[in-house]
């Protein structure tokens, strides 16, 4: 960074301060913070006492930013702010000068580092209700799931909702909302809820079942999980609800900067075991269970005598293994592989 001046002054000292902090309040839009949290504050002296002639004066400086600090944020009840401030201390009867410049800092969230991030987010609820002035009782079962638990801005959230209406009344519309929840930690925590995206589907007729599929494009959002901030917490949810009867639940999701690596998750799963095509008729099993697979020759009746083929030279002797008579008959190489795999 560079510091420039265009004045002719006599400074006592020129200082530059770099600061990062978080402040929260219980009043919306108030900057008189109830609680503050400082991440770093460093000050440099870039010029000693002397005279600055009229013209441009450039003073280069740099600061080392800590690695573990939260991303810049500005909400209704608090801020995470980073700024550089310059001060010129002049003589006793002269005016002091100061200026400041805020800057934005982004701390990336890799969704692959979030525990249990792979797989869908799902939930369900069963609601019993009365209708026709309490004369009848019905039940509705609401189930929903998202295709993943973590997304980045621009990705698509794929929702699948199942509604089982076990009543004689048509349900109200089904609604899906992407909700942001920000908690500001003061003596009495302040919670700020915002609906970012909302989509609706039709109701389900009496004694019917229906499946509703919808997609939500994730807008540009600040990432969830502010692990390095003790005063502000960010969470995201998909709220699934019915308007009538009134029933709802939340699907927690994460918003990050680096998307979930679905390919590595599939590779990490053990591949399904397939039998050797050369011995596809034989069922591989552990030897302690091999008595279940009796050789087919034991269950056959008397054999008819077939004409003998022409005699061939005897093959060279091959080492043979002793196996119990209840074991399946298979080539020695197959038996050896079963023993080694047991």
C-alpha atoms as a PDB file:
ATOM      1  CA  UNK A   1       0.000   0.000   0.000  1.00  0.00           C
ATOM      2  CA  UNK A   2       1.013   3.604  -0.512  1.00  0.00           C
ATOM      3  CA  UNK A   3       0.302   6.738   1.494  1.00  0.00           C
ATOM      4  CA  UNK A   4       0.190  10.032  -0.443  1.00  0.00           C
ATOM      5  CA  UNK A   5       0.066  13.675   0.716  1.00  0.00           C
ATOM      6  CA  UNK A   6      -0.295  16.923  -1.228  1.00  0.00           C
ATOM      7  CA  UNK A   7       0.156  19.439   1.629  1.00  0.00           C
ATOM      8  CA  UNK A   8       3.027  21.501   2.989  1.00  0.00           C
ATOM      9  CA  UNK A   9       3.056  20.672   6.705  1.00  0.00           C
ATOM     10  CA  UNK A  10       5.495  20.116   9.552  1.00  0.00           C
ATOM     11  CA  UNK A  11       4.656  16.716  11.053  1.00  0.00           C
ATOM     12  CA  UNK A  12       5.702  15.466  14.447  1.00  0.00           C
ATOM     13  CA  UNK A  13       5.066  11.915  13.281  1.00  0.00           C
ATOM     14  CA  UNK A  14       3.240  10.009  10.534  1.00  0.00           C
ATOM     15  CA  UNK A  15       1.682   6.715  11.589  1.00  0.00           C
ATOM     16  CA  UNK A  16      -0.302   4.056   9.801  1.00  0.00           C
ATOM     17  CA  UNK A  17      -2.563   1.585  11.614  1.00  0.00           C
ATOM     18  CA  UNK A  18      -4.093  -1.619  10.235  1.00  0.00           C
ATOM     19  CA  UNK A  19      -6.975  -3.070  12.222  1.00  0.00           C
ATOM     20  CA  UNK A  20      -9.533  -5.872  12.099  1.00  0.00           C
ATOM     21  CA  UNK A  21     -12.450  -6.121  14.509  1.00  0.00           C
ATOM     22  CA  UNK A  22     -16.078  -7.165  14.998  1.00  0.00           C
ATOM     23  CA  UNK A  23     -18.764  -5.113  16.704  1.00  0.00           C
ATOM     24  CA  UNK A  24     -22.380  -6.024  17.528  1.00  0.00           C
ATOM     25  CA  UNK A  25     -25.308  -4.138  18.976  1.00  0.00           C
ATOM     26  CA  UNK A  26     -28.913  -4.776  19.967  1.00  0.00           C
ATOM     27  CA  UNK A  27     -30.269  -1.829  17.941  1.00  0.00           C
ATOM     28  CA  UNK A  28     -30.619  -2.082  14.188  1.00  0.00           C
ATOM     29  CA  UNK A  29     -28.185   0.170  12.286  1.00  0.00           C
ATOM     30  CA  UNK A  30     -26.419   1.325  15.492  1.00  0.00           C
ATOM     31  CA  UNK A  31     -22.608   1.692  15.408  1.00  0.00           C
ATOM     32  CA  UNK A  32     -22.241   2.275  19.139  1.00  0.00           C
ATOM     33  CA  UNK A  33     -21.204  -1.324  19.707  1.00  0.00           C
ATOM     34  CA  UNK A  34     -22.459  -3.171  22.759  1.00  0.00           C
ATOM     35  CA  UNK A  35     -19.714  -5.813  22.422  1.00  0.00           C
ATOM     36  CA  UNK A  36     -16.484  -5.729  20.388  1.00  0.00           C
ATOM     37  CA  UNK A  37     -13.948  -8.346  19.367  1.00  0.00           C
ATOM     38  CA  UNK A  38     -10.541  -7.423  17.939  1.00  0.00           C
ATOM     39  CA  UNK A  39      -8.599  -9.727  15.632  1.00  0.00           C
ATOM     40  CA  UNK A  40      -5.436  -7.673  15.151  1.00  0.00           C
ATOM     41  CA  UNK A  41      -4.153  -4.093  15.332  1.00  0.00           C
ATOM     42  CA  UNK A  42      -0.693  -3.022  14.119  1.00  0.00           C
ATOM     43  CA  UNK A  43       0.818   0.472  13.892  1.00  0.00           C
ATOM     44  CA  UNK A  44       3.856   1.649  11.892  1.00  0.00           C
ATOM     45  CA  UNK A  45       5.714   4.948  11.930  1.00  0.00           C
ATOM     46  CA  UNK A  46       6.517   5.828   8.312  1.00  0.00           C
ATOM     47  CA  UNK A  47       8.146   9.285   8.781  1.00  0.00           C
ATOM     48  CA  UNK A  48      10.006  11.123  11.570  1.00  0.00           C
ATOM     49  CA  UNK A  49       9.783  14.745  12.606  1.00  0.00           C
ATOM     50  CA  UNK A  50      10.565  17.143   9.742  1.00  0.00           C
ATOM     51  CA  UNK A  51       9.065  19.323   7.042  1.00  0.00           C
ATOM     52  CA  UNK A  52       6.984  18.079   4.159  1.00  0.00           C
ATOM     53  CA  UNK A  53       7.198  20.439   1.235  1.00  0.00           C
ATOM     54  CA  UNK A  54       4.246  21.012  -1.046  1.00  0.00           C
ATOM     55  CA  UNK A  55       3.848  18.197  -3.550  1.00  0.00           C
ATOM     56  CA  UNK A  56       3.397  14.461  -3.600  1.00  0.00           C
ATOM     57  CA  UNK A  57       4.997  12.396  -0.841  1.00  0.00           C
ATOM     58  CA  UNK A  58       4.724   8.616  -0.991  1.00  0.00           C
ATOM     59  CA  UNK A  59       5.370   6.374   2.013  1.00  0.00           C
ATOM     60  CA  UNK A  60       5.184   2.623   1.234  1.00  0.00           C
ATOM     61  CA  UNK A  61       4.119   0.257   4.021  1.00  0.00           C
ATOM     62  CA  UNK A  62       2.870  -3.282   4.523  1.00  0.00           C
ATOM     63  CA  UNK A  63       1.201  -5.359   7.228  1.00  0.00           C
ATOM     64  CA  UNK A  64       1.067  -9.104   7.850  1.00  0.00           C
ATOM     65  CA  UNK A  65      -2.546 -10.271   8.048  1.00  0.00           C
ATOM     66  CA  UNK A  66      -3.214 -13.242  10.380  1.00  0.00           C
ATOM     67  CA  UNK A  67      -4.335 -16.437   8.669  1.00  0.00           C
ATOM     68  CA  UNK A  68      -7.257 -17.322  10.961  1.00  0.00           C
ATOM     69  CA  UNK A  69      -9.669 -14.405  10.744  1.00  0.00           C
ATOM     70  CA  UNK A  70     -13.290 -14.268   9.525  1.00  0.00           C
ATOM     71  CA  UNK A  71     -14.540 -12.839   6.245  1.00  0.00           C
ATOM     72  CA  UNK A  72     -15.705  -9.231   6.138  1.00  0.00           C
ATOM     73  CA  UNK A  73     -19.388  -8.882   6.936  1.00  0.00           C
ATOM     74  CA  UNK A  74     -21.973  -6.148   7.401  1.00  0.00           C
ATOM     75  CA  UNK A  75     -25.394  -6.931   8.867  1.00  0.00           C
ATOM     76  CA  UNK A  76     -28.264  -5.187  10.574  1.00  0.00           C
ATOM     77  CA  UNK A  77     -26.842  -5.633  14.066  1.00  0.00           C
ATOM     78  CA  UNK A  78     -23.099  -5.939  13.555  1.00  0.00           C
ATOM     79  CA  UNK A  79     -20.015  -5.775  11.350  1.00  0.00           C
ATOM     80  CA  UNK A  80     -16.752  -7.564  10.726  1.00  0.00           C
ATOM     81  CA  UNK A  81     -14.549  -4.779   9.417  1.00  0.00           C
ATOM     82  CA  UNK A  82     -10.949  -4.329   8.255  1.00  0.00           C
ATOM     83  CA  UNK A  83      -9.417  -0.897   7.659  1.00  0.00           C
ATOM     84  CA  UNK A  84      -6.180   1.062   7.275  1.00  0.00           C
ATOM     85  CA  UNK A  85      -5.929   4.454   9.026  1.00  0.00           C
ATOM     86  CA  UNK A  86      -3.217   7.142   8.645  1.00  0.00           C
ATOM     87  CA  UNK A  87      -2.437   9.828  11.239  1.00  0.00           C
ATOM     88  CA  UNK A  88      -0.270  12.950  10.959  1.00  0.00           C
ATOM     89  CA  UNK A  89       0.669  14.448  14.314  1.00  0.00           C
ATOM     90  CA  UNK A  90       1.582  18.119  13.876  1.00  0.00           C
ATOM     91  CA  UNK A  91       2.834  20.789  16.246  1.00  0.00           C
ATOM     92  CA  UNK A  92       0.808  21.832  19.271  1.00  0.00           C
ATOM     93  CA  UNK A  93      -1.201  24.662  17.650  1.00  0.00           C
ATOM     94  CA  UNK A  94      -1.648  23.001  14.246  1.00  0.00           C
ATOM     95  CA  UNK A  95      -4.408  20.772  13.050  1.00  0.00           C
ATOM     96  CA  UNK A  96      -3.851  17.030  13.051  1.00  0.00           C
ATOM     97  CA  UNK A  97      -4.809  15.054   9.977  1.00  0.00           C
ATOM     98  CA  UNK A  98      -6.246  11.554   9.677  1.00  0.00           C
ATOM     99  CA  UNK A  99      -7.875   9.393   7.028  1.00  0.00           C
ATOM    100  CA  UNK A 100      -8.984   5.784   6.740  1.00  0.00           C
ATOM    101  CA  UNK A 101      -9.672   3.254   4.012  1.00  0.00           C
ATOM    102  CA  UNK A 102     -11.686   0.034   4.593  1.00  0.00           C
ATOM    103  CA  UNK A 103     -10.785  -3.116   2.683  1.00  0.00           C
ATOM    104  CA  UNK A 104     -12.558  -6.412   2.134  1.00  0.00           C
ATOM    105  CA  UNK A 105     -11.085  -9.696   3.325  1.00  0.00           C
ATOM    106  CA  UNK A 106     -12.283 -13.131   2.173  1.00  0.00           C
ATOM    107  CA  UNK A 107     -11.562 -16.273   4.162  1.00  0.00           C
ATOM    108  CA  UNK A 108     -12.425 -19.257   1.948  1.00  0.00           C
ATOM    109  CA  UNK A 109     -14.614 -22.094   3.207  1.00  0.00           C
ATOM    110  CA  UNK A 110     -13.835 -25.446   1.612  1.00  0.00           C
ATOM    111  CA  UNK A 111     -17.022 -27.482   1.910  1.00  0.00           C
ATOM    112  CA  UNK A 112     -14.997 -30.697   1.784  1.00  0.00           C
ATOM    113  CA  UNK A 113     -13.615 -29.800   5.220  1.00  0.00           C
ATOM    114  CA  UNK A 114     -17.112 -29.728   6.754  1.00  0.00           C
ATOM    115  CA  UNK A 115     -17.845 -32.971   8.669  1.00  0.00           C
ATOM    116  CA  UNK A 116     -20.493 -35.269   7.183  1.00  0.00           C
ATOM    117  CA  UNK A 117     -20.938 -33.025   4.121  1.00  0.00           C
ATOM    118  CA  UNK A 118     -21.589 -35.818   1.613  1.00  0.00           C
ATOM    119  CA  UNK A 119     -25.059 -37.143   0.941  1.00  0.00           C
ATOM    120  CA  UNK A 120     -28.490 -35.525   1.089  1.00  0.00           C
ATOM    121  CA  UNK A 121     -30.106 -33.493   3.855  1.00  0.00           C
ATOM    122  CA  UNK A 122     -33.487 -35.002   4.718  1.00  0.00           C
ATOM    123  CA  UNK A 123     -36.267 -34.862   7.292  1.00  0.00           C
ATOM    124  CA  UNK A 124     -39.949 -35.667   7.766  1.00  0.00           C
ATOM    125  CA  UNK A 125     -42.893 -34.846  10.012  1.00  0.00           C
ATOM    126  CA  UNK A 126     -46.337 -36.310  10.653  1.00  0.00           C
ATOM    127  CA  UNK A 127     -49.188 -33.968  11.622  1.00  0.00           C
ATOM    128  CA  UNK A 128     -52.629 -34.974  12.917  1.00  0.00           C
ATOM    129  CA  UNK A 129     -55.283 -32.283  12.575  1.00  0.00           C
ATOM    130  CA  UNK A 130     -59.028 -31.725  12.738  1.00  0.00           C
ATOM    131  CA  UNK A 131     -61.304 -30.150  10.133  1.00  0.00           C
ATOM    132  CA  UNK A 132     -65.002 -29.498   9.543  1.00  0.00           C
ATOM    133  CA  UNK A 133     -65.187 -27.688  12.902  1.00  0.00           C
ATOM    134  CA  UNK A 134     -63.487 -30.571  14.656  1.00  0.00           C
ATOM    135  CA  UNK A 135     -65.922 -33.186  13.366  1.00  0.00           C
ATOM    136  CA  UNK A 136     -63.242 -35.138  11.500  1.00  0.00           C
ATOM    137  CA  UNK A 137     -59.594 -35.972  12.071  1.00  0.00           C
ATOM    138  CA  UNK A 138     -56.907 -36.473   9.457  1.00  0.00           C
ATOM    139  CA  UNK A 139     -53.172 -37.005   9.130  1.00  0.00           C
ATOM    140  CA  UNK A 140     -50.628 -35.615   6.707  1.00  0.00           C
ATOM    141  CA  UNK A 141     -47.079 -36.942   6.278  1.00  0.00           C
ATOM    142  CA  UNK A 142     -44.516 -34.521   4.848  1.00  0.00           C
ATOM    143  CA  UNK A 143     -41.082 -35.703   3.720  1.00  0.00           C
ATOM    144  CA  UNK A 144     -38.329 -33.812   1.893  1.00  0.00           C
ATOM    145  CA  UNK A 145     -34.673 -34.013   1.022  1.00  0.00           C
ATOM    146  CA  UNK A 146     -32.052 -31.999  -0.862  1.00  0.00           C
ATOM    147  CA  UNK A 147     -29.587 -33.669  -3.206  1.00  0.00           C
ATOM    148  CA  UNK A 148     -26.564 -32.418  -1.190  1.00  0.00           C
ATOM    149  CA  UNK A 149     -25.710 -30.740   2.116  1.00  0.00           C
ATOM    150  CA  UNK A 150     -23.315 -28.101   0.758  1.00  0.00           C
ATOM    151  CA  UNK A 151     -23.466 -25.631  -2.131  1.00  0.00           C
ATOM    152  CA  UNK A 152     -21.606 -22.682  -3.596  1.00  0.00           C
ATOM    153  CA  UNK A 153     -23.236 -19.577  -5.119  1.00  0.00           C
ATOM    154  CA  UNK A 154     -24.582 -20.370  -8.584  1.00  0.00           C
ATOM    155  CA  UNK A 155     -25.174 -24.067  -7.874  1.00  0.00           C
ATOM    156  CA  UNK A 156     -28.670 -25.565  -7.978  1.00  0.00           C
ATOM    157  CA  UNK A 157     -30.390 -27.045  -4.917  1.00  0.00           C
ATOM    158  CA  UNK A 158     -32.539 -29.978  -6.072  1.00  0.00           C
ATOM    159  CA  UNK A 159     -35.454 -30.629  -3.721  1.00  0.00           C
ATOM    160  CA  UNK A 160     -37.770 -33.645  -3.608  1.00  0.00           C
ATOM    161  CA  UNK A 161     -40.868 -33.411  -1.408  1.00  0.00           C
ATOM    162  CA  UNK A 162     -43.410 -36.182  -0.743  1.00  0.00           C
ATOM    163  CA  UNK A 163     -46.863 -35.424   0.655  1.00  0.00           C
ATOM    164  CA  UNK A 164     -49.190 -38.173   1.898  1.00  0.00           C
ATOM    165  CA  UNK A 165     -52.615 -36.680   2.619  1.00  0.00           C
ATOM    166  CA  UNK A 166     -54.534 -39.152   4.819  1.00  0.00           C
ATOM    167  CA  UNK A 167     -57.568 -36.973   5.273  1.00  0.00           C
ATOM    168  CA  UNK A 168     -60.743 -35.958   3.493  1.00  0.00           C
ATOM    169  CA  UNK A 169     -59.541 -32.386   2.939  1.00  0.00           C
ATOM    170  CA  UNK A 170     -57.230 -30.953   0.276  1.00  0.00           C
ATOM    171  CA  UNK A 171     -54.012 -29.530   1.747  1.00  0.00           C
ATOM    172  CA  UNK A 172     -52.783 -26.000   1.224  1.00  0.00           C
ATOM    173  CA  UNK A 173     -49.836 -25.168  -1.022  1.00  0.00           C
ATOM    174  CA  UNK A 174     -46.382 -26.542  -0.239  1.00  0.00           C
ATOM    175  CA  UNK A 175     -43.618 -23.941   0.133  1.00  0.00           C
ATOM    176  CA  UNK A 176     -39.819 -24.184   0.052  1.00  0.00           C
ATOM    177  CA  UNK A 177     -37.724 -21.276   1.348  1.00  0.00           C
ATOM    178  CA  UNK A 178     -33.977 -20.675   1.446  1.00  0.00           C
ATOM    179  CA  UNK A 179     -33.427 -18.980   4.815  1.00  0.00           C
ATOM    180  CA  UNK A 180     -30.412 -17.166   6.248  1.00  0.00           C
ATOM    181  CA  UNK A 181     -30.122 -17.053  10.037  1.00  0.00           C
ATOM    182  CA  UNK A 182     -27.636 -14.629  11.628  1.00  0.00           C
ATOM    183  CA  UNK A 183     -27.155 -14.715  15.410  1.00  0.00           C
ATOM    184  CA  UNK A 184     -25.517 -11.719  17.130  1.00  0.00           C
ATOM    185  CA  UNK A 185     -24.105 -12.590  20.540  1.00  0.00           C
ATOM    186  CA  UNK A 186     -24.897  -9.939  23.154  1.00  0.00           C
ATOM    187  CA  UNK A 187     -26.249 -10.327  26.684  1.00  0.00           C
ATOM    188  CA  UNK A 188     -29.503 -11.370  25.038  1.00  0.00           C
ATOM    189  CA  UNK A 189     -28.673 -12.841  21.584  1.00  0.00           C
ATOM    190  CA  UNK A 190     -30.334 -11.130  18.627  1.00  0.00           C
ATOM    191  CA  UNK A 191     -31.493 -13.391  15.761  1.00  0.00           C
ATOM    192  CA  UNK A 192     -31.986 -11.971  12.267  1.00  0.00           C
ATOM    193  CA  UNK A 193     -33.919 -14.220   9.834  1.00  0.00           C
ATOM    194  CA  UNK A 194     -34.152 -13.517   6.111  1.00  0.00           C
ATOM    195  CA  UNK A 195     -35.999 -15.412   3.362  1.00  0.00           C
ATOM    196  CA  UNK A 196     -33.694 -15.314   0.353  1.00  0.00           C
ATOM    197  CA  UNK A 197     -35.650 -17.449  -2.160  1.00  0.00           C
ATOM    198  CA  UNK A 198     -39.195 -18.837  -2.051  1.00  0.00           C
ATOM    199  CA  UNK A 199     -40.974 -21.300  -4.371  1.00  0.00           C
ATOM    200  CA  UNK A 200     -44.453 -22.850  -4.106  1.00  0.00           C
ATOM    201  CA  UNK A 201     -46.244 -25.982  -5.294  1.00  0.00           C
ATOM    202  CA  UNK A 202     -49.900 -27.004  -5.461  1.00  0.00           C
ATOM    203  CA  UNK A 203     -51.746 -28.778  -2.647  1.00  0.00           C
ATOM    204  CA  UNK A 204     -52.650 -32.469  -2.513  1.00  0.00           C
ATOM    205  CA  UNK A 205     -56.222 -33.670  -2.823  1.00  0.00           C
ATOM    206  CA  UNK A 206     -57.995 -35.741  -0.181  1.00  0.00           C
ATOM    207  CA  UNK A 207     -56.647 -39.275   0.366  1.00  0.00           C
ATOM    208  CA  UNK A 208     -53.952 -38.743  -2.278  1.00  0.00           C
ATOM    209  CA  UNK A 209     -50.164 -38.834  -2.417  1.00  0.00           C
ATOM    210  CA  UNK A 210     -47.962 -36.538  -4.466  1.00  0.00           C
ATOM    211  CA  UNK A 211     -44.291 -35.849  -5.143  1.00  0.00           C
ATOM    212  CA  UNK A 212     -43.108 -32.283  -5.717  1.00  0.00           C
ATOM    213  CA  UNK A 213     -39.715 -31.561  -7.259  1.00  0.00           C
ATOM    214  CA  UNK A 214     -38.232 -28.075  -7.337  1.00  0.00           C
ATOM    215  CA  UNK A 215     -34.902 -26.348  -7.940  1.00  0.00           C
ATOM    216  CA  UNK A 216     -33.425 -23.295  -6.217  1.00  0.00           C
ATOM    217  CA  UNK A 217     -30.419 -21.437  -7.628  1.00  0.00           C
ATOM    218  CA  UNK A 218     -28.118 -20.325  -4.794  1.00  0.00           C
ATOM    219  CA  UNK A 219     -27.677 -16.525  -4.989  1.00  0.00           C
ATOM    220  CA  UNK A 220     -24.394 -14.729  -4.139  1.00  0.00           C
ATOM    221  CA  UNK A 221     -24.117 -15.307  -0.377  1.00  0.00           C
ATOM    222  CA  UNK A 222     -21.581 -15.068   2.384  1.00  0.00           C
ATOM    223  CA  UNK A 223     -20.341 -18.483   3.445  1.00  0.00           C
ATOM    224  CA  UNK A 224     -21.724 -20.175   6.537  1.00  0.00           C
ATOM    225  CA  UNK A 225     -19.723 -21.254   9.582  1.00  0.00           C
ATOM    226  CA  UNK A 226     -17.837 -18.266  11.057  1.00  0.00           C
ATOM    227  CA  UNK A 227     -15.520 -20.366  13.208  1.00  0.00           C
ATOM    228  CA  UNK A 228     -13.047 -17.507  13.799  1.00  0.00           C
ATOM    229  CA  UNK A 229     -15.721 -15.062  14.999  1.00  0.00           C
ATOM    230  CA  UNK A 230     -17.164 -15.332  18.497  1.00  0.00           C
ATOM    231  CA  UNK A 231     -19.858 -12.667  18.143  1.00  0.00           C
ATOM    232  CA  UNK A 232     -21.639 -13.461  14.848  1.00  0.00           C
ATOM    233  CA  UNK A 233     -22.846 -16.866  13.655  1.00  0.00           C
ATOM    234  CA  UNK A 234     -24.177 -17.572  10.139  1.00  0.00           C
ATOM    235  CA  UNK A 235     -26.459 -20.503   9.240  1.00  0.00           C
ATOM    236  CA  UNK A 236     -28.545 -21.532   6.220  1.00  0.00           C
ATOM    237  CA  UNK A 237     -31.650 -23.732   6.007  1.00  0.00           C
ATOM    238  CA  UNK A 238     -34.225 -24.981   3.528  1.00  0.00           C
ATOM    239  CA  UNK A 239     -37.648 -24.659   5.164  1.00  0.00           C
ATOM    240  CA  UNK A 240     -40.330 -27.025   3.840  1.00  0.00           C
ATOM    241  CA  UNK A 241     -43.887 -26.237   4.943  1.00  0.00           C
ATOM    242  CA  UNK A 242     -47.570 -26.682   4.216  1.00  0.00           C
ATOM    243  CA  UNK A 243     -49.925 -23.738   4.597  1.00  0.00           C
ATOM    244  CA  UNK A 244     -52.865 -25.948   5.634  1.00  0.00           C
ATOM    245  CA  UNK A 245     -52.561 -27.792   7.911  1.00  0.00           C
ATOM    246  CA  UNK A 246     -49.713 -25.679   9.266  1.00  0.00           C
ATOM    247  CA  UNK A 247     -46.658 -27.953   9.383  1.00  0.00           C
ATOM    248  CA  UNK A 248     -42.986 -27.339   8.604  1.00  0.00           C
ATOM    249  CA  UNK A 249     -39.406 -28.442   9.246  1.00  0.00           C
ATOM    250  CA  UNK A 250     -35.875 -27.331   8.364  1.00  0.00           C
ATOM    251  CA  UNK A 251     -33.154 -28.930   6.244  1.00  0.00           C
ATOM    252  CA  UNK A 252     -29.758 -27.545   7.327  1.00  0.00           C
ATOM    253  CA  UNK A 253     -27.293 -26.839   4.500  1.00  0.00           C
ATOM    254  CA  UNK A 254     -23.900 -25.159   4.166  1.00  0.00           C
ATOM    255  CA  UNK A 255     -22.825 -22.395   1.782  1.00  0.00           C
ATOM    256  CA  UNK A 256     -19.124 -22.264   0.918  1.00  0.00           C
ATOM    257  CA  UNK A 257     -16.560 -21.101  -1.629  1.00  0.00           C
ATOM    258  CA  UNK A 258     -15.151 -24.471  -2.758  1.00  0.00           C
ATOM    259  CA  UNK A 259     -17.809 -26.966  -3.865  1.00  0.00           C
ATOM    260  CA  UNK A 260     -18.244 -30.516  -2.608  1.00  0.00           C
ATOM    261  CA  UNK A 261     -16.102 -33.024  -4.506  1.00  0.00           C
ATOM    262  CA  UNK A 262     -18.781 -35.584  -5.333  1.00  0.00           C
ATOM    263  CA  UNK A 263     -16.410 -37.634  -7.505  1.00  0.00           C
ATOM    264  CA  UNK A 264     -13.976 -38.361  -4.651  1.00  0.00           C
ATOM    265  CA  UNK A 265     -16.911 -39.308  -2.425  1.00  0.00           C
ATOM    266  CA  UNK A 266     -17.985 -41.932  -4.971  1.00  0.00           C
ATOM    267  CA  UNK A 267     -14.449 -43.245  -5.336  1.00  0.00           C
ATOM    268  CA  UNK A 268     -14.074 -43.589  -1.571  1.00  0.00           C
ATOM    269  CA  UNK A 269     -16.983 -46.040  -1.438  1.00  0.00           C
ATOM    270  CA  UNK A 270     -15.942 -49.728  -1.735  1.00  0.00           C
ATOM    271  CA  UNK A 271     -16.806 -51.085  -5.203  1.00  0.00           C
ATOM    272  CA  UNK A 272     -19.372 -53.918  -5.362  1.00  0.00           C
ATOM    273  CA  UNK A 273     -17.784 -57.375  -5.470  1.00  0.00           C
ATOM    274  CA  UNK A 274     -18.330 -59.243  -8.724  1.00  0.00           C
ATOM    275  CA  UNK A 275     -17.541 -62.959  -9.200  1.00  0.00           C
ATOM    276  CA  UNK A 276     -14.789 -64.093 -11.500  1.00  0.00           C
ATOM    277  CA  UNK A 277     -16.374 -64.626 -14.960  1.00  0.00           C
ATOM    278  CA  UNK A 278     -14.426 -67.871 -15.338  1.00  0.00           C
ATOM    279  CA  UNK A 279     -16.247 -69.283 -12.305  1.00  0.00           C
ATOM    280  CA  UNK A 280     -19.473 -67.344 -12.409  1.00  0.00           C
ATOM    281  CA  UNK A 281     -21.511 -70.447 -11.600  1.00  0.00           C
ATOM    282  CA  UNK A 282     -19.737 -70.895  -8.260  1.00  0.00           C
ATOM    283  CA  UNK A 283     -20.956 -68.786  -5.315  1.00  0.00           C
ATOM    284  CA  UNK A 284     -17.991 -67.352  -3.358  1.00  0.00           C
ATOM    285  CA  UNK A 285     -18.440 -67.760   0.373  1.00  0.00           C
ATOM    286  CA  UNK A 286     -16.350 -68.082   3.488  1.00  0.00           C
ATOM    287  CA  UNK A 287     -15.117 -71.582   4.168  1.00  0.00           C
ATOM    288  CA  UNK A 288     -16.973 -71.855   7.465  1.00  0.00           C
ATOM    289  CA  UNK A 289     -20.216 -71.523   5.495  1.00  0.00           C
ATOM    290  CA  UNK A 290     -19.161 -73.734   2.598  1.00  0.00           C
ATOM    291  CA  UNK A 291     -21.240 -76.674   3.882  1.00  0.00           C
ATOM    292  CA  UNK A 292     -24.301 -74.872   2.530  1.00  0.00           C
ATOM    293  CA  UNK A 293     -23.158 -75.448  -1.025  1.00  0.00           C
ATOM    294  CA  UNK A 294     -23.075 -79.204  -1.541  1.00  0.00           C
ATOM    295  CA  UNK A 295     -21.530 -80.524  -4.742  1.00  0.00           C
ATOM    296  CA  UNK A 296     -24.241 -81.285  -7.245  1.00  0.00           C
ATOM    297  CA  UNK A 297     -22.899 -84.827  -7.738  1.00  0.00           C
ATOM    298  CA  UNK A 298     -24.005 -85.781  -4.205  1.00  0.00           C
ATOM    299  CA  UNK A 299     -27.642 -85.216  -5.066  1.00  0.00           C
ATOM    300  CA  UNK A 300     -27.676 -86.997  -8.403  1.00  0.00           C
ATOM    301  CA  UNK A 301     -29.029 -90.515  -8.981  1.00  0.00           C
ATOM    302  CA  UNK A 302     -27.327 -93.388 -10.825  1.00  0.00           C
ATOM    303  CA  UNK A 303     -25.435 -92.267 -13.863  1.00  0.00           C
ATOM    304  CA  UNK A 304     -25.737 -93.831 -17.274  1.00  0.00           C
ATOM    305  CA  UNK A 305     -22.505 -95.172 -18.725  1.00  0.00           C
ATOM    306  CA  UNK A 306     -21.210 -93.010 -21.517  1.00  0.00           C
ATOM    307  CA  UNK A 307     -18.831 -94.220 -24.209  1.00  0.00           C
ATOM    308  CA  UNK A 308     -15.243 -93.728 -23.165  1.00  0.00           C
ATOM    309  CA  UNK A 309     -13.206 -91.311 -25.264  1.00  0.00           C
ATOM    310  CA  UNK A 310      -9.808 -92.283 -26.677  1.00  0.00           C
ATOM    311  CA  UNK A 311      -7.120 -92.413 -24.031  1.00  0.00           C
ATOM    312  CA  UNK A 312      -4.852 -89.409 -23.782  1.00  0.00           C
ATOM    313  CA  UNK A 313      -1.429 -89.138 -22.218  1.00  0.00           C
ATOM    314  CA  UNK A 314      -1.723 -88.679 -18.461  1.00  0.00           C
ATOM    315  CA  UNK A 315      -1.111 -85.046 -17.357  1.00  0.00           C
ATOM    316  CA  UNK A 316       1.798 -84.218 -15.139  1.00  0.00           C
ATOM    317  CA  UNK A 317       0.984 -84.559 -11.426  1.00  0.00           C
ATOM    318  CA  UNK A 318      -0.249 -81.299  -9.847  1.00  0.00           C
ATOM    319  CA  UNK A 319      -0.076 -80.656  -6.070  1.00  0.00           C
ATOM    320  CA  UNK A 320      -3.540 -81.060  -4.664  1.00  0.00           C
ATOM    321  CA  UNK A 321      -5.159 -79.574  -1.556  1.00  0.00           C
ATOM    322  CA  UNK A 322      -7.245 -81.472   0.926  1.00  0.00           C
ATOM    323  CA  UNK A 323     -10.665 -79.996   1.389  1.00  0.00           C
ATOM    324  CA  UNK A 324     -13.677 -81.407   3.184  1.00  0.00           C
ATOM    325  CA  UNK A 325     -16.223 -83.310   1.140  1.00  0.00           C
ATOM    326  CA  UNK A 326     -18.788 -80.631   1.932  1.00  0.00           C
ATOM    327  CA  UNK A 327     -16.789 -77.923   0.174  1.00  0.00           C
ATOM    328  CA  UNK A 328     -17.750 -76.863  -3.342  1.00  0.00           C
ATOM    329  CA  UNK A 329     -15.743 -78.499  -6.088  1.00  0.00           C
ATOM    330  CA  UNK A 330     -13.685 -75.878  -7.861  1.00  0.00           C
ATOM    331  CA  UNK A 331     -10.214 -75.577  -9.381  1.00  0.00           C
ATOM    332  CA  UNK A 332      -7.397 -75.416  -6.780  1.00  0.00           C
ATOM    333  CA  UNK A 333      -6.583 -71.806  -7.705  1.00  0.00           C
ATOM    334  CA  UNK A 334     -10.133 -70.761  -6.776  1.00  0.00           C
ATOM    335  CA  UNK A 335      -9.956 -72.602  -3.427  1.00  0.00           C
ATOM    336  CA  UNK A 336      -6.621 -70.979  -2.651  1.00  0.00           C
ATOM    337  CA  UNK A 337      -8.088 -67.523  -3.293  1.00  0.00           C
ATOM    338  CA  UNK A 338     -11.006 -68.284  -0.969  1.00  0.00           C
ATOM    339  CA  UNK A 339      -8.642 -69.376   1.805  1.00  0.00           C
ATOM    340  CA  UNK A 340      -6.404 -66.336   1.406  1.00  0.00           C
ATOM    341  CA  UNK A 341      -9.408 -63.988   1.442  1.00  0.00           C
ATOM    342  CA  UNK A 342     -10.933 -65.515   4.559  1.00  0.00           C
END
